[in-house]
Amino acid sequence: MVDKKELYYLLKGEQIEEFNRKVEGQRGYDLQDVNLRGRNLQNADLQHADLRGAYLNRCNLKGLNLTHANMEGSSMHMARISGTYFPHNVSAMEIQNAVNFGTRIRVSDSDQVHESTSLLT
């Protein structure tokens, strides 16, 4: 498993290519409760990250694939999220509230269809 502190410092320093090399092939790598406020995380491989409780306020998350990330309790106030794929267990309303009002993300345990998936059927 990859060292949390090392991953944190790579993202904090916006060393995205090096971060991506470290997490390649990893699943569930620990980024719980990290403070990445205001960082440009565009192109970071966070698809399988454990982002529970992470502070992503004012981050550039544009175009990220977060489909398998655990985002429970994370904060994204004023983050840039254009083109970002979110996990199916996070509703569009949760994302909107997190970005606009600073609420922490709540995840759903149900198998309900995500709003973005329903557009494709």
Protein backbone atom coordinates (compact mmCIF):
# COMPACT_ATOMS: atom_id res chain seq x y z
CA MET A 1 0.00 0.00 0.00
CA VAL A 2 1.13 3.51 -0.78
CA ASP A 3 2.06 5.86 2.09
CA LYS A 4 -0.71 8.39 2.81
CA LYS A 5 1.70 11.15 3.78
CA GLU A 6 3.65 10.79 0.55
CA LEU A 7 0.47 10.90 -1.54
CA TYR A 8 -0.74 13.92 0.40
CA TYR A 9 2.45 15.89 -0.19
CA LEU A 10 2.44 15.04 -3.90
CA LEU A 11 -1.11 16.36 -4.28
CA LYS A 12 -0.46 19.36 -2.04
CA GLY A 13 2.49 20.24 -4.27
CA GLU A 14 0.36 19.58 -7.38
CA GLN A 15 2.82 16.94 -8.59
CA ILE A 16 0.07 15.12 -10.44
CA GLU A 17 2.16 12.95 -12.76
CA GLU A 18 4.23 11.56 -9.86
CA PHE A 19 1.06 11.01 -7.81
CA ASN A 20 -0.51 9.08 -10.70
CA ARG A 21 2.58 6.85 -10.98
CA LYS A 22 2.40 6.03 -7.26
CA VAL A 23 -1.29 5.05 -7.30
CA GLU A 24 -1.29 3.20 -10.60
CA GLY A 25 -3.08 -0.12 -10.10
CA GLN A 26 -3.99 0.73 -6.48
CA ARG A 27 -7.52 0.69 -5.07
CA GLY A 28 -8.83 2.38 -1.94
CA TYR A 29 -5.65 4.35 -1.27
CA ASP A 30 -6.03 6.43 1.87
CA LEU A 31 -6.58 10.15 1.50
CA GLN A 32 -9.02 10.42 4.40
CA ASP A 33 -9.27 13.85 6.03
CA VAL A 34 -6.54 15.42 3.86
CA ASN A 35 -6.63 19.18 3.41
CA LEU A 36 -6.18 19.96 -0.28
CA ARG A 37 -7.99 23.30 -0.29
CA GLY A 38 -7.39 25.38 -3.39
CA ARG A 39 -5.22 22.83 -5.19
CA ASN A 40 -5.33 22.11 -8.91
CA LEU A 41 -6.04 18.38 -8.99
CA GLN A 42 -6.97 18.25 -12.64
CA ASN A 43 -5.75 14.98 -14.23
CA ALA A 44 -5.11 13.35 -10.82
CA ASP A 45 -6.10 9.67 -10.71
CA LEU A 46 -8.55 9.77 -7.81
CA GLN A 47 -10.93 7.19 -9.27
CA HIS A 48 -10.30 4.67 -6.46
CA ALA A 49 -9.28 7.07 -3.66
CA ASP A 50 -10.68 6.99 -0.15
CA LEU A 51 -11.55 10.67 0.20
CA ARG A 52 -13.75 10.39 3.29
CA GLY A 53 -13.67 13.68 5.18
CA ALA A 54 -11.26 15.29 2.70
CA TYR A 55 -11.24 19.07 2.32
CA LEU A 56 -11.49 19.79 -1.41
CA ASN A 57 -12.79 23.35 -1.07
CA ARG A 58 -11.90 25.60 -4.01
CA CYS A 59 -10.07 22.72 -5.74
CA ASN A 60 -9.94 22.34 -9.48
CA LEU A 61 -11.54 18.93 -9.99
CA LYS A 62 -12.46 19.51 -13.62
CA GLY A 63 -12.78 16.35 -15.68
CA LEU A 64 -11.84 13.92 -12.88
CA ASN A 65 -13.22 10.41 -12.74
CA LEU A 66 -14.32 9.84 -9.15
CA THR A 67 -16.72 6.98 -9.95
CA HIS A 68 -15.21 4.54 -7.43
CA ALA A 69 -13.94 7.06 -4.87
CA ASN A 70 -15.36 7.06 -1.36
CA MET A 71 -16.42 10.67 -0.83
CA GLU A 72 -18.51 10.36 2.32
CA GLY A 73 -18.12 13.48 4.46
CA SER A 74 -15.84 15.26 2.03
CA SER A 75 -16.19 18.99 1.50
CA MET A 76 -16.08 20.70 -1.93
CA HIS A 77 -17.24 24.25 -1.27
CA MET A 78 -16.66 26.39 -4.38
CA ALA A 79 -14.76 23.58 -6.15
CA ARG A 80 -14.62 23.58 -9.93
CA ILE A 81 -16.32 20.37 -11.04
CA SER A 82 -17.11 20.81 -14.74
CA GLY A 83 -16.97 17.44 -16.49
CA THR A 84 -16.33 15.49 -13.28
CA TYR A 85 -17.77 11.97 -12.94
CA PHE A 86 -19.01 11.37 -9.39
CA PRO A 87 -19.76 8.08 -7.64
CA HIS A 88 -23.22 6.61 -8.23
CA ASN A 89 -24.01 6.81 -4.51
CA VAL A 90 -23.71 10.62 -4.48
CA SER A 91 -26.78 12.42 -5.78
CA ALA A 92 -26.68 15.51 -7.95
CA MET A 93 -28.37 17.45 -5.11
CA GLU A 94 -25.58 16.44 -2.70
CA ILE A 95 -22.97 17.62 -5.18
CA GLN A 96 -24.79 20.90 -5.73
CA ASN A 97 -25.18 21.52 -1.99
CA ALA A 98 -21.54 20.66 -1.32
CA VAL A 99 -20.25 23.04 -3.99
CA ASN A 100 -22.70 25.90 -3.40
CA PHE A 101 -23.25 25.78 0.36
CA GLY A 102 -20.28 23.89 1.76
CA THR A 103 -22.23 20.95 3.13
CA ARG A 104 -20.37 17.69 3.59
CA ILE A 105 -21.26 14.95 1.14
CA ARG A 106 -23.67 12.28 2.28
CA VAL A 107 -23.69 9.03 0.35
CA SER A 108 -26.63 6.74 -0.33
CA ASP A 109 -26.59 3.05 0.50
CA SER A 110 -29.40 2.30 -1.91
CA ASP A 111 -29.16 0.89 -5.42
CA GLN A 112 -31.13 3.77 -6.89
CA VAL A 113 -30.12 4.95 -10.31
CA HIS A 114 -27.86 8.01 -10.31
CA GLU A 115 -29.28 11.02 -12.13
CA SER A 116 -26.51 10.97 -14.75
CA THR A 117 -27.14 7.27 -15.49
CA SER A 118 -30.85 7.83 -16.03
CA LEU A 119 -30.05 10.28 -18.82
CA LEU A 120 -28.34 7.51 -20.78
CA THR A 121 -31.30 5.10 -20.84
